[in-house]
Each structure stands twice: as structure tokens, then as C-alpha cells.
Amino acid sequence: MDLMGDIGAADQLISAREENKVLKAKVDELKEKVKELTLNNAQLLAEVEMYRKEAALPSFSNLALGSTQPVAVDEKANHFISSGNGVYPSDPAVTLPNVHNVANPLCCSLNKNDTVLGVGGADSYVSIMAWGSALAPGEQASIDTVNKAARVKCTAPVITIAFSSKDDIVAAGCMDGSVHLIQFKMNMGRVEAWLVQSGIKYTKYIKSLAFSQQGLLASASADGTVQVSKINVPNKDDSDDDTMMDEDTNTSVVEQVKSLHLSGAVECVCFVNEGNTLCLYERDTSYLAYFDMKDDFKMTQYSLNGAVTGGFDSHVSFAVMHLALSPNGKYLCAATDTSRNIIIEVGTSNIVRDLFGHKNDGFSVPRIAWSSNGQYIFGNTQETVASAFGILLRQSW
């Protein structure tokens, strides 16, 4: 009887395993179906957007909010009619292990020459490294690159960083609402870096940082405050001591130019018009706000709905989480939290392209970047590390 019982239990186990195999195959099949339906939904969204634009009044596509005078449309959509040349990075060039030891990296940025990488971590450190050395032959190259990185301690986890146009300053925005300035230099393949106490402080965490071509720093917080500051970091080689590290030198390092106070959290900031205009997106609004720094920061608002009719101007179903300026300075790409990236002509409401096909939602942190030749936009997605949207602007840039 015991033997028969064992055989029966074994038969039940085998049967259960076979059922699990069938169920697993069915789950895999349903997953593929969900992906297919998600893609179809994205295509339908793109078609809806196209039909909505066709029904719009074209003469009002560049109309600023609050204005009664339409501006003639300068049609730029034909800049995006061709596919890219198919040459873009699709596989990781290098993998940098344990940049922040056991802590998670939270943000990263490259300098203007794409030679120096800055990474902010949950351990409150900023790591700065010449990442190209990891391309050297040998399995040890990546590890050596990380070991040669400069690590600078901040006051809280670093959630956003940006390089200045001078290429030797990194701004780090932290969870505690502080902004730190870090100066660095290369020395025999090793990065040396030191902290400059900036004195910029908010009541809530930092959302976005951006440098202008003129060396101005815009920092935005979840408390709705945006500060534009002039950065005057002295060259350490010009000083025989480390007095620049003292907080008493803050007034010479950071000079406040303007402080803006908005009602909602400012998700992203970006300088346009050769650094003379500050563009930002405020949470729960339906427009991009432009501040003319040559005209006492006069604000102009442009709808994110483009040329629409039917009363849709006061609401959008997404939030802009990141703004990236095209290499030619004519377009902004806005990454949203609804699986939609939007290409907008700078200083207008003219939406020239909607990019779908990736997956992001309200819990994601979408980021985008233009390729240096302007032929592609790279964006992260919740399903893969990055995706490339093949768009080509005319080479007459």
C-alpha cells in the first residue's frame, strides 16, 4: 500500500508539472499578445494625433497662450520625412561595474565632448571618470576605469547632475534640496575632483539642472522654485590653498541672477535661443513656459497641444519629465510619462513629430538625448535600457 501511495503521489507530481508547463506556455503566449496590443495601441494613438492635427486650424499653431493674434505657420515638418542612416549604437560599448559599490546609480551625464562621465548615486557620492579608458583591451580595463574615478561626497543621494559648458564643473542636485558644484581635472589618466560649496538650497528635492552657454546654472525644485545663478568657480591652480572650499567663499562662487516661484513642481528646465531664454515645464500645466532673460525674464506660454480646436488647450494627459535641445537649436524633444516623446519647434506650439513605440508611465523617469548629428533621438523605456527613434533632419544644418 505504501508503494502504491508513492506511485500515486509521483503521478500527481508529474501531472502537476505538465500542467504547469502548459500554463507557462499559455502565459508566454498572452505576454506576446499584450506586447502586440500595446504596439497597436501606440500606433492608434499616433493616428489619432495625426487626425486631430488635420482638424486643427493651421494659422493658430504658433499662438501663444493668452494672445489673440495668430502667428503665421512656418512649416518645418518636412525636416523629418526621411529615415535615419541606420548608424547608431545598439549594443553597450562598455560596462562599468560597481560605480557606486553596492549603492544604486541614480543619474548620469556626459560632458559636451562625451569624454567624461558623471554618475550620481544613492550613496550621496558623485563619481567622475574618463569612461573611454574602459575601451582598452583586457577584462580589467573597466574595473581600472572605475578605480581611477574621482568620488566626491554630497549631503544626500544625488538624483540629477549636469556638466557646464566650461567642461570642468559638474552640478549635482540632491534629495535634500541642495545643489553642489564640483570642479575636476584630468591628471595622467586619473580624474581629480573637489567640492565647491555652492550655497544653493531648496525646501524640496532637486528636479532638474541645466547650464547655459554663458555659464549660467538653472536649478529647479519640487517646491516650484527655479533659481538662475551665475557661476564663478576659481581655478584651483590659481590658488595656493584650499580656501575655495570654505563656505565663506560662496558669494564669489554663486551669484543669484533671478529666482522664479511657480505654483507646481518644475519637472525640467532647458536653455534655448543660444542660452538667452529659459524654457521649463511646470507640473499640471498644459504648456511650456519661456522666460526671456534679455527682457527681465518676461514669460510666454506655448500650448503642448499644438494646433488643436475644441477647448483642449487647458489640459494635457501627460507630464513633460525631460527636455532636450536639438544640435541645431531649432527643436525641443519633450519626454513624457505616457509613452510619448514630442518634437516641438522652439518658441512655438508647433508639434512636428510624435514618437511612440516605447513604454513609460507615471512611475518612470523618462530621459532623452539627441545624437550629435541630429539624426536620432535616444530614449529610455521601462522594457529595455534604451531605444532609438529614427528621425533625420536635413543635412543643411
Protein backbone atom coordinates (compact mmCIF):
# COMPACT_ATOMS: atom_id res chain seq x y z
CA MET A 1 0.00 0.00 0.00
CA ASP A 2 2.82 2.36 0.77
CA LEU A 3 4.37 1.58 -2.59
CA MET A 4 1.11 2.29 -4.39
CA GLY A 5 0.76 5.53 -2.44
CA ASP A 6 4.23 6.64 -3.50
CA ILE A 7 3.44 5.82 -7.12
CA GLY A 8 0.21 7.81 -6.90
CA ALA A 9 1.98 10.83 -5.39
CA ALA A 10 4.65 10.64 -8.09
CA ASP A 11 1.97 10.50 -10.79
CA GLN A 12 0.27 13.56 -9.30
CA LEU A 13 3.59 15.45 -9.22
CA ILE A 14 4.31 14.58 -12.86
CA SER A 15 0.80 15.62 -13.81
CA ALA A 16 1.14 18.92 -11.94
CA ARG A 17 4.45 19.61 -13.66
CA GLU A 18 2.93 19.00 -17.06
CA GLU A 19 0.02 21.28 -16.24
CA ASN A 20 2.49 23.97 -15.14
CA LYS A 21 4.30 23.65 -18.47
CA VAL A 22 1.04 24.15 -20.34
CA LEU A 23 0.11 27.11 -18.16
CA LYS A 24 3.56 28.66 -18.60
CA ALA A 25 3.29 28.32 -22.37
CA LYS A 26 -0.12 29.97 -22.23
CA VAL A 27 1.25 32.84 -20.09
CA ASP A 28 4.10 33.37 -22.56
CA GLU A 29 1.58 33.43 -25.38
CA LEU A 30 -0.54 36.02 -23.55
CA LYS A 31 2.54 38.14 -22.85
CA GLU A 32 3.31 38.28 -26.56
CA LYS A 33 -0.31 39.19 -27.24
CA VAL A 34 -0.14 42.02 -24.69
CA LYS A 35 3.02 43.38 -26.36
CA GLU A 36 1.30 43.23 -29.74
CA LEU A 37 -1.77 45.03 -28.40
CA THR A 38 0.44 47.66 -26.71
CA LEU A 39 2.17 48.37 -30.01
CA ASN A 40 -1.15 48.54 -31.84
CA ASN A 41 -2.44 50.96 -29.21
CA ALA A 42 0.63 53.18 -29.72
CA GLN A 43 0.02 53.17 -33.47
CA LEU A 44 -3.61 54.12 -32.93
CA LEU A 45 -2.55 56.97 -30.65
CA ALA A 46 -0.26 58.22 -33.39
CA GLU A 47 -3.12 58.09 -35.91
CA VAL A 48 -5.44 59.93 -33.52
CA GLU A 49 -2.84 62.64 -33.08
CA MET A 50 -2.48 62.94 -36.85
CA TYR A 51 -6.23 63.24 -37.39
CA ARG A 52 -6.50 65.79 -34.59
CA LYS A 53 -3.84 67.92 -36.26
CA GLU A 54 -5.60 67.67 -39.61
CA ALA A 55 -8.76 69.02 -37.99
CA ALA A 56 -6.91 71.92 -36.36
CA LEU A 57 -6.69 75.49 -37.51
CA PRO A 58 -3.19 75.73 -39.02
CA SER A 59 -2.97 79.50 -38.72
CA PHE A 60 -3.10 79.20 -34.92
CA SER A 61 -0.41 76.53 -34.37
CA ASN A 62 2.08 79.11 -33.13
CA LEU A 63 -0.39 81.01 -30.97
CA ALA A 64 0.93 81.83 -27.50
CA LEU A 65 -1.48 81.25 -24.63
CA GLY A 66 -3.28 84.43 -23.74
CA SER A 67 -2.60 86.01 -27.15
CA THR A 68 -5.31 86.96 -29.63
CA GLN A 69 -3.07 87.38 -32.67
CA PRO A 70 -2.26 84.23 -34.65
CA VAL A 71 1.24 83.84 -35.99
CA ALA A 72 1.85 82.53 -39.49
CA VAL A 73 2.96 78.90 -39.53
CA ASP A 74 6.50 78.16 -40.66
CA GLU A 75 6.02 74.55 -41.72
CA LYS A 76 9.02 72.52 -40.54
CA ALA A 77 7.56 69.01 -40.59
CA ASN A 78 9.34 68.20 -43.86
CA HIS A 79 12.60 68.23 -41.90
CA PHE A 80 11.56 64.86 -40.51
CA ILE A 81 10.36 62.99 -43.58
CA SER A 82 13.41 60.76 -44.06
CA SER A 83 14.64 57.82 -42.04
CA GLY A 84 17.96 57.89 -40.26
CA ASN A 85 21.04 56.37 -41.84
CA GLY A 86 20.86 53.28 -39.63
CA VAL A 87 24.14 54.04 -37.90
CA TYR A 88 23.54 54.34 -34.19
CA PRO A 89 24.72 52.48 -31.07
CA SER A 90 22.65 49.40 -30.41
CA ASP A 91 24.95 47.40 -28.11
CA PRO A 92 26.75 48.52 -24.95
CA ALA A 93 30.27 49.76 -25.70
CA VAL A 94 31.45 49.27 -22.12
CA THR A 95 30.04 48.16 -18.81
CA LEU A 96 31.31 49.96 -15.73
CA PRO A 97 30.84 47.69 -12.69
CA ASN A 98 30.14 48.88 -9.16
CA VAL A 99 30.47 52.58 -9.89
CA HIS A 100 28.88 53.23 -6.50
CA ASN A 101 29.82 49.93 -4.90
CA VAL A 102 26.61 48.33 -3.57
CA ALA A 103 24.54 51.54 -3.92
CA ASN A 104 22.34 52.23 -6.91
CA PRO A 105 23.38 54.81 -9.54
CA LEU A 106 20.53 57.33 -9.79
CA CYS A 107 21.59 59.69 -12.59
CA CYS A 108 24.35 60.26 -15.11
CA SER A 109 25.56 62.80 -17.63
CA LEU A 110 28.33 63.27 -20.20
CA ASN A 111 30.36 66.41 -20.80
CA LYS A 112 29.99 68.24 -24.10
CA ASN A 113 32.75 66.17 -25.74
CA ASP A 114 31.31 62.87 -24.49
CA THR A 115 34.68 62.04 -22.88
CA VAL A 116 33.91 62.41 -19.17
CA LEU A 117 31.07 60.63 -17.39
CA GLY A 118 29.49 61.80 -14.16
CA VAL A 119 27.30 59.45 -12.13
CA GLY A 120 25.27 60.32 -9.04
CA GLY A 121 24.42 57.59 -6.56
CA ALA A 122 22.17 56.66 -3.67
CA ASP A 123 25.30 56.68 -1.50
CA SER A 124 25.39 60.51 -1.82
CA TYR A 125 28.56 60.43 -3.94
CA VAL A 126 29.28 61.75 -7.41
CA SER A 127 31.70 59.62 -9.43
CA ILE A 128 33.54 61.31 -12.31
CA MET A 129 35.57 59.22 -14.75
CA ALA A 130 37.15 59.20 -18.20
CA TRP A 131 34.97 56.35 -19.37
CA GLY A 132 36.81 55.89 -22.68
CA SER A 133 39.71 54.17 -20.93
CA ALA A 134 37.36 51.24 -20.38
CA LEU A 135 37.65 50.53 -24.13
CA ALA A 136 41.27 49.47 -23.70
CA PRO A 137 42.00 45.76 -24.33
CA GLY A 138 41.65 43.44 -21.40
CA GLU A 139 38.95 42.48 -18.95
CA GLN A 140 40.49 44.69 -16.27
CA ALA A 141 40.04 47.94 -18.23
CA SER A 142 36.52 48.67 -16.96
CA ILE A 143 37.48 47.96 -13.38
CA ASP A 144 40.56 50.17 -13.66
CA THR A 145 38.43 52.98 -15.08
CA VAL A 146 36.08 52.82 -12.11
CA ASN A 147 39.01 52.65 -9.69
CA LYS A 148 40.53 55.80 -11.23
CA ALA A 149 37.27 57.73 -10.90
CA ALA A 150 37.09 60.72 -8.58
CA ARG A 151 34.44 60.34 -5.87
CA VAL A 152 33.03 63.43 -4.20
CA LYS A 153 30.71 63.28 -1.19
CA CYS A 154 27.49 65.31 -1.21
CA THR A 155 24.95 65.83 1.56
CA ALA A 156 22.25 63.46 0.25
CA PRO A 157 21.54 60.99 -2.57
CA VAL A 158 22.31 62.62 -5.93
CA ILE A 159 19.32 62.49 -8.30
CA THR A 160 20.34 64.84 -11.13
CA ILE A 161 23.65 66.13 -12.49
CA ALA A 162 24.78 68.41 -15.32
CA PHE A 163 28.09 69.48 -16.86
CA SER A 164 28.85 73.12 -17.54
CA SER A 165 29.87 74.40 -20.95
CA LYS A 166 33.29 75.14 -19.45
CA ASP A 167 33.70 71.37 -19.15
CA ASP A 168 35.36 71.41 -15.72
CA ILE A 169 32.30 71.95 -13.50
CA VAL A 170 29.61 69.46 -12.53
CA ALA A 171 26.43 70.50 -10.73
CA ALA A 172 24.81 67.84 -8.53
CA GLY A 173 21.21 68.09 -7.31
CA CYS A 174 20.31 66.14 -4.19
CA MET A 175 17.33 64.70 -2.35
CA ASP A 176 17.71 67.21 0.47
CA GLY A 177 17.18 70.15 -1.90
CA SER A 178 20.84 71.15 -2.09
CA VAL A 179 22.87 71.83 -5.22
CA HIS A 180 26.62 71.18 -5.06
CA LEU A 181 29.27 72.32 -7.50
CA ILE A 182 32.18 70.02 -8.23
CA GLN A 183 35.30 71.04 -10.11
CA PHE A 184 37.51 68.42 -11.75
CA LYS A 185 40.57 67.99 -13.96
CA MET A 186 42.42 65.14 -15.63
CA ASN A 187 45.85 64.16 -14.31
CA MET A 188 47.74 61.31 -16.04
CA GLY A 189 44.55 59.45 -16.92
CA ARG A 190 43.13 59.83 -13.43
CA VAL A 191 40.36 62.26 -12.56
CA GLU A 192 40.88 64.68 -9.69
CA ALA A 193 37.81 66.45 -8.28
CA TRP A 194 36.90 68.62 -5.33
CA LEU A 195 33.70 70.07 -3.90
CA VAL A 196 32.80 73.74 -4.11
CA GLN A 197 30.05 74.61 -1.62
CA SER A 198 27.54 76.37 -3.83
CA GLY A 199 25.09 77.58 -1.21
CA ILE A 200 22.03 76.81 -3.40
CA LYS A 201 19.34 75.26 -1.23
CA TYR A 202 15.62 74.48 -1.66
CA THR A 203 12.93 73.16 0.65
CA LYS A 204 12.33 70.07 -1.51
CA TYR A 205 14.42 67.82 -3.71
CA ILE A 206 16.02 68.95 -6.95
CA LYS A 207 14.18 68.05 -10.14
CA SER A 208 16.40 69.42 -12.91
CA LEU A 209 19.66 71.24 -13.65
CA ALA A 210 20.83 72.99 -16.82
CA PHE A 211 23.82 75.13 -17.79
CA SER A 212 23.69 77.85 -20.43
CA GLN A 213 26.42 78.64 -22.94
CA GLN A 214 27.17 81.74 -20.89
CA GLY A 215 27.87 79.73 -17.73
CA LEU A 216 24.54 80.33 -16.03
CA LEU A 217 23.06 77.49 -13.98
CA ALA A 218 19.30 76.92 -13.75
CA SER A 219 18.20 74.69 -10.90
CA ALA A 220 14.60 73.60 -10.36
CA SER A 221 12.97 72.07 -7.31
CA ALA A 222 9.87 70.12 -6.43
CA ASP A 223 8.84 73.11 -4.31
CA GLY A 224 8.19 75.11 -7.52
CA THR A 225 11.26 77.34 -7.24
CA VAL A 226 13.71 77.93 -10.08
CA GLN A 227 16.94 79.80 -9.46
CA VAL A 228 19.18 81.11 -12.22
CA SER A 229 22.71 81.67 -10.94
CA LYS A 230 25.97 82.90 -12.38
CA ILE A 231 28.78 80.51 -11.50
CA ASN A 232 32.23 81.94 -10.82
CA VAL A 233 34.34 79.00 -9.71
CA PRO A 234 38.01 79.98 -9.47
CA ASN A 235 40.70 77.79 -10.95
CA LYS A 236 42.31 75.78 -8.18
CA ASP A 237 45.68 76.11 -9.89
CA ASP A 238 45.47 79.88 -9.31
CA SER A 239 45.27 79.41 -5.56
CA ASP A 240 47.95 78.16 -3.16
CA ASP A 241 45.46 76.92 -0.61
CA ASP A 242 42.02 75.36 -0.36
CA THR A 243 40.12 78.45 0.75
CA MET A 244 37.71 77.93 -2.15
CA MET A 245 36.34 75.00 -0.19
CA ASP A 246 35.18 77.28 2.63
CA GLU A 247 31.56 78.34 2.78
CA ASP A 248 32.72 81.94 3.26
CA THR A 249 33.60 82.00 -0.44
CA ASN A 250 30.06 81.17 -1.55
CA THR A 251 29.27 84.75 -2.60
CA SER A 252 32.10 84.71 -5.11
CA VAL A 253 31.18 81.28 -6.44
CA VAL A 254 27.41 81.67 -6.91
CA GLU A 255 25.72 84.94 -7.82
CA GLN A 256 21.93 84.76 -7.96
CA VAL A 257 20.55 86.29 -11.15
CA LYS A 258 16.84 85.51 -10.79
CA SER A 259 14.54 83.45 -8.61
CA LEU A 260 11.21 82.26 -10.03
CA HIS A 261 8.39 80.91 -7.86
CA LEU A 262 5.79 78.74 -9.57
CA SER A 263 2.71 77.04 -8.14
CA GLY A 264 3.65 73.47 -9.03
CA ALA A 265 6.79 71.35 -9.14
CA VAL A 266 9.10 72.27 -12.00
CA GLU A 267 9.91 68.97 -13.71
CA CYS A 268 12.54 70.15 -16.19
CA VAL A 269 14.48 73.19 -17.37
CA CYS A 270 16.42 73.89 -20.54
CA PHE A 271 18.19 76.89 -22.10
CA VAL A 272 17.30 77.77 -25.72
CA ASN A 273 17.97 80.63 -28.16
CA GLU A 274 21.74 80.43 -27.65
CA GLY A 275 21.29 80.48 -23.89
CA ASN A 276 19.24 83.68 -23.80
CA THR A 277 15.90 82.05 -22.97
CA LEU A 278 14.98 79.66 -20.18
CA CYS A 279 12.34 77.05 -21.00
CA LEU A 280 10.61 74.95 -18.35
CA TYR A 281 7.67 72.69 -17.68
CA GLU A 282 5.56 73.07 -14.54
CA ARG A 283 3.65 70.02 -13.30
CA ASP A 284 -0.12 70.00 -14.01
CA THR A 285 0.09 72.64 -16.74
CA SER A 286 -0.58 72.28 -20.46
CA TYR A 287 2.22 74.46 -21.81
CA LEU A 288 5.94 75.13 -21.92
CA ALA A 289 6.93 78.42 -20.31
CA TYR A 290 9.68 80.53 -21.90
CA PHE A 291 11.45 83.28 -19.94
CA ASP A 292 13.30 85.91 -21.95
CA MET A 293 16.38 86.76 -19.90
CA LYS A 294 17.08 89.83 -22.05
CA ASP A 295 13.67 91.25 -21.17
CA ASP A 296 13.63 90.88 -17.37
CA PHE A 297 12.53 87.23 -17.65
CA LYS A 298 9.26 88.07 -19.40
CA MET A 299 7.22 84.87 -19.65
CA THR A 300 5.48 83.48 -22.73
CA GLN A 301 3.48 80.24 -22.67
CA TYR A 302 3.06 77.88 -25.62
CA SER A 303 0.49 75.09 -25.60
CA LEU A 304 1.64 71.47 -25.62
CA ASN A 305 -1.49 70.53 -27.57
CA GLY A 306 -0.22 72.10 -30.76
CA ALA A 307 -2.82 73.40 -33.19
CA VAL A 308 -5.95 71.94 -31.63
CA THR A 309 -9.57 73.00 -31.50
CA GLY A 310 -12.45 72.07 -29.24
CA GLY A 311 -11.20 73.53 -25.96
CA PHE A 312 -8.32 71.14 -25.30
CA ASP A 313 -5.72 73.84 -24.63
CA SER A 314 -6.23 73.89 -20.86
CA HIS A 315 -5.40 70.23 -20.27
CA VAL A 316 -2.91 67.55 -21.33
CA SER A 317 -2.92 63.90 -20.31
CA PHE A 318 0.81 63.76 -19.66
CA ALA A 319 3.65 65.46 -17.84
CA VAL A 320 6.88 66.55 -19.51
CA MET A 321 9.70 64.99 -17.50
CA HIS A 322 12.72 65.97 -19.58
CA LEU A 323 13.61 68.49 -22.30
CA ALA A 324 16.50 68.15 -24.76
CA LEU A 325 17.50 70.78 -27.32
CA SER A 326 18.42 69.62 -30.84
CA PRO A 327 22.00 70.21 -32.05
CA ASN A 328 20.83 72.95 -34.40
CA GLY A 329 18.90 74.69 -31.61
CA LYS A 330 15.60 74.70 -33.54
CA TYR A 331 13.71 71.91 -31.80
CA LEU A 332 12.98 70.60 -28.33
CA CYS A 333 12.27 66.97 -27.63
CA ALA A 334 9.97 66.54 -24.66
CA ALA A 335 9.95 63.15 -22.89
CA THR A 336 6.61 62.46 -21.23
CA ASP A 337 5.36 59.92 -18.72
CA THR A 338 2.82 58.41 -21.17
CA SER A 339 4.96 56.55 -23.73
CA ARG A 340 5.06 59.59 -25.97
CA ASN A 341 8.01 61.79 -26.90
CA ILE A 342 7.20 65.05 -28.66
CA ILE A 343 9.34 67.13 -31.02
CA ILE A 344 8.36 70.80 -30.76
CA GLU A 345 9.66 73.78 -32.67
CA VAL A 346 11.37 76.08 -30.17
CA GLY A 347 9.32 79.11 -29.14
CA THR A 348 6.09 77.87 -30.73
CA SER A 349 3.24 75.42 -30.22
CA ASN A 350 4.14 73.68 -33.46
CA ILE A 351 4.43 69.94 -32.79
CA VAL A 352 6.32 68.49 -35.75
CA ARG A 353 6.50 64.84 -34.63
CA ASP A 354 5.08 62.47 -32.02
CA LEU A 355 7.25 59.44 -31.22
CA PHE A 356 5.54 56.31 -29.90
CA GLY A 357 6.54 52.67 -29.54
CA HIS A 358 8.25 52.65 -26.13
CA LYS A 359 6.75 52.22 -22.68
CA ASN A 360 6.77 54.76 -19.86
CA ASP A 361 4.22 55.66 -17.19
CA GLY A 362 3.82 57.85 -14.13
CA PHE A 363 6.32 55.76 -12.15
CA SER A 364 9.09 56.02 -14.75
CA VAL A 365 11.82 58.61 -15.18
CA PRO A 366 11.90 59.18 -18.97
CA ARG A 367 15.04 60.79 -20.40
CA ILE A 368 16.05 61.57 -23.99
CA ALA A 369 19.15 62.72 -25.85
CA TRP A 370 19.83 63.78 -29.42
CA SER A 371 22.65 62.19 -31.34
CA SER A 372 25.46 64.63 -32.13
CA ASN A 373 24.49 64.69 -35.84
CA GLY A 374 20.81 65.26 -35.04
CA GLN A 375 19.66 62.14 -36.90
CA TYR A 376 18.39 60.20 -33.89
CA ILE A 377 16.80 60.68 -30.53
CA PHE A 378 17.64 58.13 -27.86
CA GLY A 379 15.25 57.49 -25.02
CA ASN A 380 14.93 55.10 -22.13
CA THR A 381 11.95 52.82 -21.68
CA GLN A 382 10.68 50.56 -18.92
CA GLU A 383 11.18 47.43 -21.02
CA THR A 384 14.69 47.95 -22.40
CA VAL A 385 17.67 50.10 -21.50
CA ALA A 386 17.29 52.47 -24.43
CA SER A 387 15.60 52.81 -27.77
CA ALA A 388 16.41 54.86 -30.84
CA PHE A 389 13.78 56.80 -32.74
CA GLY A 390 14.98 57.01 -36.33
CA ILE A 391 14.40 60.55 -37.48
CA LEU A 392 16.53 62.57 -39.85
CA LEU A 393 16.78 66.32 -40.02
CA ARG A 394 18.02 67.71 -43.29
CA GLN A 395 21.78 67.98 -43.54
CA SER A 396 21.51 71.69 -44.37
CA TRP A 397 22.07 72.34 -40.66
